C-alpha atoms as a PDB file:
ATOM      1  CA  MET A   1     -26.168-128.645 -18.160  1.00  0.00           C
ATOM      2  CA  ARG A   2     -25.282-125.100 -18.449  1.00  0.00           C
ATOM      3  CA  ALA A   3     -28.568-124.716 -20.236  1.00  0.00           C
ATOM      4  CA  LEU A   4     -30.571-124.875 -17.039  1.00  0.00           C
ATOM      5  CA  GLU A   5     -28.257-122.209 -15.490  1.00  0.00           C
ATOM      6  CA  LEU A   6     -30.187-119.164 -14.261  1.00  0.00           C
ATOM      7  CA  LYS A   7     -33.217-120.257 -16.363  1.00  0.00           C
ATOM      8  CA  VAL A   8     -35.793-121.389 -13.988  1.00  0.00           C
ATOM      9  CA  PRO A   9     -36.884-118.842 -11.319  1.00  0.00           C
ATOM     10  CA  PRO A  10     -36.292-120.521  -7.749  1.00  0.00           C
ATOM     11  CA  VAL A  11     -39.854-119.955  -6.829  1.00  0.00           C
ATOM     12  CA  VAL A  12     -40.801-122.015  -9.908  1.00  0.00           C
ATOM     13  CA  VAL A  13     -38.496-124.530  -8.576  1.00  0.00           C
ATOM     14  CA  LEU A  14     -40.182-124.428  -5.189  1.00  0.00           C
ATOM     15  CA  LEU A  15     -43.601-125.103  -6.745  1.00  0.00           C
ATOM     16  CA  ILE A  16     -42.429-127.999  -8.744  1.00  0.00           C
ATOM     17  CA  ALA A  17     -40.901-129.429  -5.629  1.00  0.00           C
ATOM     18  CA  ALA A  18     -44.077-128.736  -3.468  1.00  0.00           C
ATOM     19  CA  ILE A  19     -46.015-130.479  -5.972  1.00  0.00           C
ATOM     20  CA  ALA A  20     -43.784-133.514  -6.026  1.00  0.00           C
ATOM     21  CA  MET A  21     -43.981-133.606  -2.302  1.00  0.00           C
ATOM     22  CA  TRP A  22     -47.887-133.473  -2.283  1.00  0.00           C
ATOM     23  CA  TYR A  23     -47.929-136.580  -4.407  1.00  0.00           C
ATOM     24  CA  LEU A  24     -45.235-138.443  -2.623  1.00  0.00           C
ATOM     25  CA  ARG A  25     -47.040-138.193   0.518  1.00  0.00           C
ATOM     26  CA  ARG A  26     -49.067-141.101  -0.717  1.00  0.00           C
ATOM     27  CA  VAL A  27     -46.244-143.470  -0.095  1.00  0.00           C
ATOM     28  CA  PRO A  28     -47.746-145.470   2.727  1.00  0.00           C
ATOM     29  CA  ALA A  29     -44.499-146.833   4.127  1.00  0.00           C
ATOM     30  CA  ALA A  30     -42.977-143.196   4.389  1.00  0.00           C
ATOM     31  CA  SER A  31     -45.631-141.634   6.260  1.00  0.00           C
ATOM     32  CA  PHE A  32     -45.155-140.505   9.980  1.00  0.00           C
ATOM     33  CA  ASP A  33     -47.287-138.935  12.712  1.00  0.00           C
ATOM     34  CA  LEU A  34     -45.022-137.051  15.081  1.00  0.00           C
ATOM     35  CA  PRO A  35     -46.521-135.217  18.158  1.00  0.00           C
ATOM     36  CA  GLY A  36     -46.111-131.538  17.650  1.00  0.00           C
ATOM     37  CA  ALA A  37     -45.397-131.839  13.788  1.00  0.00           C
ATOM     38  CA  ARG A  38     -47.694-129.256  12.738  1.00  0.00           C
ATOM     39  CA  ILE A  39     -46.420-126.924  15.426  1.00  0.00           C
ATOM     40  CA  ALA A  40     -42.921-127.624  14.187  1.00  0.00           C
ATOM     41  CA  ALA A  41     -44.048-127.037  10.564  1.00  0.00           C
ATOM     42  CA  ALA A  42     -45.615-123.733  11.533  1.00  0.00           C
ATOM     43  CA  ALA A  43     -42.584-122.514  13.298  1.00  0.00           C
ATOM     44  CA  LEU A  44     -40.184-123.639  10.254  1.00  0.00           C
ATOM     45  CA  LEU A  45     -42.446-121.881   7.925  1.00  0.00           C
ATOM     46  CA  ALA A  46     -42.354-118.832   9.862  1.00  0.00           C
ATOM     47  CA  ALA A  47     -38.646-118.920  10.138  1.00  0.00           C
ATOM     48  CA  GLY A  48     -38.370-119.590   6.282  1.00  0.00           C
ATOM     49  CA  ILE A  49     -40.516-116.604   5.432  1.00  0.00           C
ATOM     50  CA  LEU A  50     -38.599-114.192   7.961  1.00  0.00           C
ATOM     51  CA  VAL A  51     -35.332-115.326   6.698  1.00  0.00           C
ATOM     52  CA  ALA A  52     -36.121-114.918   3.221  1.00  0.00           C
ATOM     53  CA  VAL A  53     -37.916-111.464   3.830  1.00  0.00           C
ATOM     54  CA  ARG A  54     -35.012-110.287   5.812  1.00  0.00           C
ATOM     55  CA  GLY A  55     -32.861-111.160   2.759  1.00  0.00           C
ATOM     56  CA  VAL A  56     -35.053-109.215   0.348  1.00  0.00           C
ATOM     57  CA  ILE A  57     -35.280-106.160   2.536  1.00  0.00           C
ATOM     58  CA  ALA A  58     -31.400-106.107   3.320  1.00  0.00           C
ATOM     59  CA  PHE A  59     -30.813-106.047  -0.793  1.00  0.00           C
ATOM     60  CA  ARG A  60     -33.666-103.306  -1.275  1.00  0.00           C
ATOM     61  CA  TRP A  61     -31.779-101.237   1.713  1.00  0.00           C
ATOM     62  CA  HIS A  62     -28.492-101.795  -0.095  1.00  0.00           C
ATOM     63  CA  GLY A  63     -30.229-100.845  -3.538  1.00  0.00           C
ATOM     64  CA  THR A  64     -28.876-104.039  -5.177  1.00  0.00           C
ATOM     65  CA  THR A  65     -30.991-106.349  -7.659  1.00  0.00           C
ATOM     66  CA  VAL A  66     -33.158-109.481  -6.169  1.00  0.00           C
ATOM     67  CA  ASN A  67     -33.641-110.416  -9.740  1.00  0.00           C
ATOM     68  CA  PRO A  68     -32.254-114.201  -9.688  1.00  0.00           C
ATOM     69  CA  HIS A  69     -31.754-114.087 -13.575  1.00  0.00           C
ATOM     70  CA  THR A  70     -29.246-111.014 -13.448  1.00  0.00           C
ATOM     71  CA  PRO A  71     -26.631-111.623 -10.514  1.00  0.00           C
ATOM     72  CA  GLY A  72     -24.237-109.667 -12.710  1.00  0.00           C
ATOM     73  CA  LYS A  73     -26.320-106.551 -12.100  1.00  0.00           C
ATOM     74  CA  SER A  74     -25.531-106.483  -8.488  1.00  0.00           C
ATOM     75  CA  SER A  75     -24.318-103.333  -7.145  1.00  0.00           C
ATOM     76  CA  THR A  76     -22.749-104.543  -3.878  1.00  0.00           C
ATOM     77  CA  ILE A  77     -22.075-107.377  -1.848  1.00  0.00           C
ATOM     78  CA  VAL A  78     -24.682-107.272   1.129  1.00  0.00           C
ATOM     79  CA  ARG A  79     -22.829-108.400   4.452  1.00  0.00           C
ATOM     80  CA  THR A  80     -25.362-107.215   6.968  1.00  0.00           C
ATOM     81  CA  ASP A  81     -28.103-108.533   8.712  1.00  0.00           C
ATOM     82  CA  VAL A  82     -28.929-112.342   7.686  1.00  0.00           C
ATOM     83  CA  TYR A  83     -26.087-112.031   5.111  1.00  0.00           C
ATOM     84  CA  ARG A  84     -23.723-112.535   8.018  1.00  0.00           C
ATOM     85  CA  LEU A  85     -24.959-115.990   8.504  1.00  0.00           C
ATOM     86  CA  THR A  86     -25.757-117.140   5.105  1.00  0.00           C
ATOM     87  CA  ARG A  87     -24.922-116.012   1.620  1.00  0.00           C
ATOM     88  CA  ASN A  88     -28.252-117.276   0.496  1.00  0.00           C
ATOM     89  CA  PRO A  89     -31.073-116.236   2.767  1.00  0.00           C
ATOM     90  CA  MET A  90     -33.717-116.061   0.140  1.00  0.00           C
ATOM     91  CA  TYR A  91     -32.974-119.698  -0.931  1.00  0.00           C
ATOM     92  CA  LEU A  92     -32.677-120.803   2.685  1.00  0.00           C
ATOM     93  CA  GLY A  93     -36.044-119.553   3.255  1.00  0.00           C
ATOM     94  CA  LEU A  94     -37.499-121.519   0.663  1.00  0.00           C
ATOM     95  CA  ALA A  95     -35.778-124.723   1.678  1.00  0.00           C
ATOM     96  CA  LEU A  96     -37.151-124.337   5.290  1.00  0.00           C
ATOM     97  CA  ALA A  97     -40.462-123.554   3.925  1.00  0.00           C
ATOM     98  CA  LEU A  98     -40.304-127.205   1.966  1.00  0.00           C
ATOM     99  CA  VAL A  99     -39.128-128.773   5.196  1.00  0.00           C
ATOM    100  CA  SER A 100     -42.191-127.275   7.078  1.00  0.00           C
ATOM    101  CA  PHE A 101     -44.388-128.839   3.855  1.00  0.00           C
ATOM    102  CA  GLY A 102     -42.950-132.045   4.508  1.00  0.00           C
ATOM    103  CA  LEU A 103     -43.452-131.931   8.301  1.00  0.00           C
ATOM    104  CA  TRP A 104     -46.978-131.069   7.535  1.00  0.00           C
ATOM    105  CA  LEU A 105     -47.402-133.792   5.019  1.00  0.00           C
ATOM    106  CA  GLY A 106     -45.924-136.055   7.584  1.00  0.00           C
ATOM    107  CA  SER A 107     -44.211-137.895   4.751  1.00  0.00           C
ATOM    108  CA  LEU A 108     -40.474-138.949   4.625  1.00  0.00           C
ATOM    109  CA  ALA A 109     -40.926-139.651   0.978  1.00  0.00           C
ATOM    110  CA  SER A 110     -41.798-135.852   0.555  1.00  0.00           C
ATOM    111  CA  LEU A 111     -38.985-134.681   2.819  1.00  0.00           C
ATOM    112  CA  ALA A 112     -36.656-136.491   0.460  1.00  0.00           C
ATOM    113  CA  VAL A 113     -37.551-133.769  -2.081  1.00  0.00           C
ATOM    114  CA  VAL A 114     -35.908-131.112  -0.160  1.00  0.00           C
ATOM    115  CA  PRO A 115     -32.294-132.179  -0.551  1.00  0.00           C
ATOM    116  CA  LEU A 116     -32.968-132.322  -4.411  1.00  0.00           C
ATOM    117  CA  PHE A 117     -34.308-129.005  -4.213  1.00  0.00           C
ATOM    118  CA  VAL A 118     -30.968-127.829  -2.268  1.00  0.00           C
ATOM    119  CA  VAL A 119     -28.839-129.626  -4.885  1.00  0.00           C
ATOM    120  CA  TYR A 120     -30.759-128.233  -8.149  1.00  0.00           C
ATOM    121  CA  LEU A 121     -30.478-124.666  -6.617  1.00  0.00           C
ATOM    122  CA  THR A 122     -26.851-125.044  -5.891  1.00  0.00           C
ATOM    123  CA  GLN A 123     -25.953-126.156  -9.209  1.00  0.00           C
ATOM    124  CA  PHE A 124     -28.009-124.381 -11.363  1.00  0.00           C
ATOM    125  CA  GLN A 125     -28.940-121.059  -9.536  1.00  0.00           C
ATOM    126  CA  ILE A 126     -26.282-120.419  -6.869  1.00  0.00           C
ATOM    127  CA  LYS A 127     -23.144-121.625  -8.434  1.00  0.00           C
ATOM    128  CA  PRO A 128     -23.844-119.202 -11.480  1.00  0.00           C
ATOM    129  CA  GLU A 129     -24.664-116.443  -9.065  1.00  0.00           C
ATOM    130  CA  GLU A 130     -21.324-116.855  -7.433  1.00  0.00           C
ATOM    131  CA  ARG A 131     -19.390-116.969 -10.624  1.00  0.00           C
ATOM    132  CA  ALA A 132     -21.116-113.581 -11.716  1.00  0.00           C
ATOM    133  CA  LEU A 133     -20.555-111.885  -8.382  1.00  0.00           C
ATOM    134  CA  GLU A 134     -16.855-112.959  -8.319  1.00  0.00           C
ATOM    135  CA  ALA A 135     -16.405-111.631 -11.834  1.00  0.00           C
ATOM    136  CA  SER A 136     -17.960-108.226 -10.617  1.00  0.00           C
ATOM    137  CA  PHE A 137     -16.499-107.768  -7.111  1.00  0.00           C
ATOM    138  CA  GLY A 138     -13.348-110.098  -7.529  1.00  0.00           C
ATOM    139  CA  ARG A 139     -11.405-110.516  -4.240  1.00  0.00           C
ATOM    140  CA  ALA A 140     -14.084-108.930  -2.040  1.00  0.00           C
ATOM    141  CA  TYR A 141     -16.854-111.509  -3.039  1.00  0.00           C
ATOM    142  CA  ALA A 142     -13.949-114.182  -2.775  1.00  0.00           C
ATOM    143  CA  GLU A 143     -13.235-113.109   1.079  1.00  0.00           C
ATOM    144  CA  TYR A 144     -16.979-112.792   1.643  1.00  0.00           C
ATOM    145  CA  ARG A 145     -17.421-116.400   0.303  1.00  0.00           C
ATOM    146  CA  ARG A 146     -14.656-117.734   2.437  1.00  0.00           C
ATOM    147  CA  ALA A 147     -16.062-116.050   5.502  1.00  0.00           C
ATOM    148  CA  VAL A 148     -19.933-116.892   5.211  1.00  0.00           C
ATOM    149  CA  ARG A 149     -21.473-120.258   4.284  1.00  0.00           C
ATOM    150  CA  ARG A 150     -23.627-121.005   1.284  1.00  0.00           C
ATOM    151  CA  TRP A 151     -26.491-122.134   3.256  1.00  0.00           C
ATOM    152  CA  LEU A 152     -25.804-122.397   6.897  1.00  0.00           C
END
């Protein structure tokens, strides 16, 4: 399955997941109506956007690439800001946006797509990125991996 590694942009994976969620909302037995779900969805969306944007800003501040297809071109390991809490704030932000969408849709079937999104990104985006970063930065990246979780 290495053929899929670093091939599909994470934003495209997000869009595919969101479309699947939209269609799965129709599963009647899986729908729910929680008080405050829309407020929680808005808060999660805001948090996801904030986390992802801070990740991008930190990369730009440190002058390294944000291109998900070329992790080997990274010029530094960013360890500040949100990168102290998660190694993948941009992807975490996307996942939070999907959880938000599932809450907004009021559908457990839709929310079931989120773990699939996380598994796909971990396998075909994050793990290849980690291999490239370890090849570029060696022990320094291995220490960072031990100190900071992949997602949260």
